[in-house]
Amino acid sequence: MCNDNNNNNKVFIFLMNLKLGITFFALGVLFNVHCTTISRIFVTYSVLVIKTSAFIFWPSKKTI
């Protein structure tokens, strides 16, 4: 399902991991690729991690 040339899938994989915290292994199963491939995709888009980190709400320990 995940083609190396399919940037939409790569961005979707990145966002699923970032927002939902799904492991690389689970994403690999979902997209039928090895978890190393998922890791490489995440490293490729690592600049987005810095740019989008403020988009995710992290409640304080007291709130939880």
N, C-alpha and C. Protein backbone atom coordinates (compact mmCIF):
# COMPACT_ATOMS: atom_id res chain seq x y z
N MET A 1 0.82 -1.20 0.00
CA MET A 1 0.00 0.00 0.00
C MET A 1 0.86 1.26 0.00
N CYS A 2 1.99 1.22 0.68
CA CYS A 2 2.85 2.40 0.75
C CYS A 2 3.91 2.31 -0.32
N ASN A 3 3.81 3.15 -1.31
CA ASN A 3 4.78 3.21 -2.39
C ASN A 3 5.81 4.27 -2.03
N ASP A 4 7.08 3.99 -2.34
CA ASP A 4 8.13 4.96 -2.01
C ASP A 4 7.88 6.32 -2.64
N ASN A 5 7.18 6.36 -3.75
CA ASN A 5 6.93 7.62 -4.44
C ASN A 5 5.63 8.29 -4.02
N ASN A 6 4.92 7.69 -3.10
CA ASN A 6 3.63 8.22 -2.71
C ASN A 6 3.78 9.13 -1.48
N ASN A 7 3.95 10.41 -1.72
CA ASN A 7 4.16 11.37 -0.63
C ASN A 7 2.94 11.53 0.26
N ASN A 8 1.74 11.32 -0.29
CA ASN A 8 0.54 11.41 0.54
C ASN A 8 0.56 10.37 1.65
N ASN A 9 0.94 9.15 1.32
CA ASN A 9 1.03 8.10 2.34
C ASN A 9 2.11 8.43 3.36
N LYS A 10 3.21 8.96 2.91
CA LYS A 10 4.30 9.30 3.82
C LYS A 10 3.87 10.37 4.82
N VAL A 11 3.20 11.39 4.34
CA VAL A 11 2.72 12.44 5.24
C VAL A 11 1.66 11.88 6.18
N PHE A 12 0.79 11.02 5.67
CA PHE A 12 -0.23 10.41 6.50
C PHE A 12 0.39 9.54 7.59
N ILE A 13 1.40 8.77 7.24
CA ILE A 13 2.12 7.95 8.23
C ILE A 13 2.75 8.83 9.29
N PHE A 14 3.39 9.89 8.85
CA PHE A 14 4.03 10.83 9.78
C PHE A 14 3.00 11.42 10.75
N LEU A 15 1.87 11.86 10.22
CA LEU A 15 0.85 12.48 11.07
C LEU A 15 0.20 11.48 12.01
N MET A 16 -0.01 10.25 11.56
CA MET A 16 -0.58 9.22 12.44
C MET A 16 0.34 8.96 13.62
N ASN A 17 1.65 8.87 13.34
CA ASN A 17 2.59 8.63 14.42
C ASN A 17 2.65 9.82 15.37
N LEU A 18 2.68 10.99 14.81
CA LEU A 18 2.80 12.20 15.62
C LEU A 18 1.58 12.43 16.49
N LYS A 19 0.40 12.32 15.90
CA LYS A 19 -0.83 12.63 16.63
C LYS A 19 -1.31 11.49 17.51
N LEU A 20 -1.26 10.26 16.99
CA LEU A 20 -1.82 9.14 17.71
C LEU A 20 -0.79 8.33 18.50
N GLY A 21 0.48 8.55 18.19
CA GLY A 21 1.52 7.82 18.89
C GLY A 21 1.60 6.35 18.49
N ILE A 22 1.11 6.03 17.31
CA ILE A 22 1.16 4.65 16.83
C ILE A 22 2.63 4.29 16.57
N THR A 23 3.01 3.10 17.00
CA THR A 23 4.40 2.68 16.85
C THR A 23 4.76 2.46 15.38
N PHE A 24 6.05 2.48 15.11
CA PHE A 24 6.53 2.21 13.75
C PHE A 24 6.12 0.81 13.31
N PHE A 25 6.17 -0.13 14.24
CA PHE A 25 5.79 -1.51 13.90
C PHE A 25 4.32 -1.58 13.49
N ALA A 26 3.44 -0.95 14.28
CA ALA A 26 2.01 -0.97 13.96
C ALA A 26 1.73 -0.27 12.63
N LEU A 27 2.40 0.84 12.38
CA LEU A 27 2.23 1.53 11.10
C LEU A 27 2.72 0.66 9.95
N GLY A 28 3.80 -0.06 10.19
CA GLY A 28 4.30 -0.97 9.17
C GLY A 28 3.29 -2.04 8.81
N VAL A 29 2.61 -2.56 9.82
CA VAL A 29 1.56 -3.55 9.58
C VAL A 29 0.40 -2.92 8.82
N LEU A 30 -0.01 -1.74 9.23
CA LEU A 30 -1.13 -1.07 8.57
C LEU A 30 -0.85 -0.75 7.10
N PHE A 31 0.38 -0.37 6.80
CA PHE A 31 0.73 0.04 5.44
C PHE A 31 1.51 -1.03 4.68
N ASN A 32 1.65 -2.19 5.30
CA ASN A 32 2.29 -3.34 4.66
C ASN A 32 3.73 -3.05 4.21
N VAL A 33 4.48 -2.40 5.10
CA VAL A 33 5.90 -2.14 4.87
C VAL A 33 6.66 -2.45 6.16
N HIS A 34 7.97 -2.58 6.05
CA HIS A 34 8.80 -2.88 7.21
C HIS A 34 8.87 -1.65 8.12
N CYS A 35 9.01 -1.90 9.42
CA CYS A 35 9.06 -0.78 10.37
C CYS A 35 10.28 0.11 10.13
N THR A 36 11.33 -0.42 9.55
CA THR A 36 12.50 0.40 9.20
C THR A 36 12.13 1.44 8.15
N THR A 37 11.27 1.06 7.20
CA THR A 37 10.80 2.00 6.19
C THR A 37 10.01 3.12 6.85
N ILE A 38 9.18 2.77 7.81
CA ILE A 38 8.40 3.78 8.54
C ILE A 38 9.35 4.72 9.28
N SER A 39 10.37 4.16 9.90
CA SER A 39 11.35 4.97 10.61
C SER A 39 12.04 5.94 9.67
N ARG A 40 12.40 5.48 8.48
CA ARG A 40 13.05 6.36 7.50
C ARG A 40 12.12 7.49 7.07
N ILE A 41 10.85 7.16 6.90
CA ILE A 41 9.88 8.20 6.54
C ILE A 41 9.83 9.25 7.64
N PHE A 42 9.79 8.79 8.88
CA PHE A 42 9.70 9.72 10.00
C PHE A 42 10.94 10.59 10.09
N VAL A 43 12.12 10.02 9.86
CA VAL A 43 13.37 10.80 9.88
C VAL A 43 13.35 11.83 8.76
N THR A 44 12.84 11.43 7.59
CA THR A 44 12.76 12.35 6.45
C THR A 44 11.92 13.56 6.79
N TYR A 45 10.83 13.33 7.50
CA TYR A 45 9.92 14.42 7.84
C TYR A 45 10.19 14.99 9.24
N SER A 46 11.37 14.73 9.78
CA SER A 46 11.67 15.18 11.14
C SER A 46 11.61 16.69 11.30
N VAL A 47 11.84 17.42 10.24
CA VAL A 47 11.73 18.88 10.31
C VAL A 47 10.29 19.27 10.67
N LEU A 48 9.33 18.50 10.17
CA LEU A 48 7.93 18.77 10.49
C LEU A 48 7.63 18.53 11.97
N VAL A 49 8.37 17.64 12.60
CA VAL A 49 8.16 17.39 14.03
C VAL A 49 8.39 18.68 14.81
N ILE A 50 9.45 19.37 14.48
CA ILE A 50 9.78 20.62 15.16
C ILE A 50 8.73 21.69 14.85
N LYS A 51 8.35 21.77 13.58
CA LYS A 51 7.41 22.80 13.16
C LYS A 51 5.99 22.57 13.68
N THR A 52 5.60 21.30 13.87
CA THR A 52 4.23 20.99 14.25
C THR A 52 4.06 20.59 15.72
N SER A 53 5.12 20.59 16.48
CA SER A 53 5.03 20.14 17.87
C SER A 53 4.06 20.98 18.70
N ALA A 54 3.89 22.23 18.35
CA ALA A 54 2.96 23.09 19.09
C ALA A 54 1.50 22.78 18.76
N PHE A 55 1.25 22.01 17.71
CA PHE A 55 -0.12 21.69 17.31
C PHE A 55 -0.76 20.64 18.20
N ILE A 56 0.05 19.87 18.91
CA ILE A 56 -0.47 18.79 19.73
C ILE A 56 -0.62 19.28 21.16
N PHE A 57 -1.82 19.09 21.71
CA PHE A 57 -2.10 19.52 23.07
C PHE A 57 -1.59 18.47 24.04
N TRP A 58 -0.73 18.88 24.95
CA TRP A 58 -0.20 18.00 25.97
C TRP A 58 -0.66 18.52 27.33
N PRO A 59 -1.66 17.88 27.95
CA PRO A 59 -2.13 18.36 29.24
C PRO A 59 -1.07 18.14 30.32
N SER A 60 -1.14 18.96 31.35
CA SER A 60 -0.19 18.82 32.45
C SER A 60 -0.50 17.55 33.25
N LYS A 61 0.47 17.11 34.04
CA LYS A 61 0.26 15.93 34.87
C LYS A 61 -0.85 16.18 35.88
N LYS A 62 -0.96 17.40 36.33
CA LYS A 62 -2.00 17.73 37.29
C LYS A 62 -3.39 17.58 36.67
N THR A 63 -3.53 17.98 35.41
CA THR A 63 -4.81 17.86 34.71
C THR A 63 -5.21 16.40 34.53
N ILE A 64 -4.22 15.56 34.26
CA ILE A 64 -4.49 14.13 34.05
C ILE A 64 -4.86 13.51 35.37
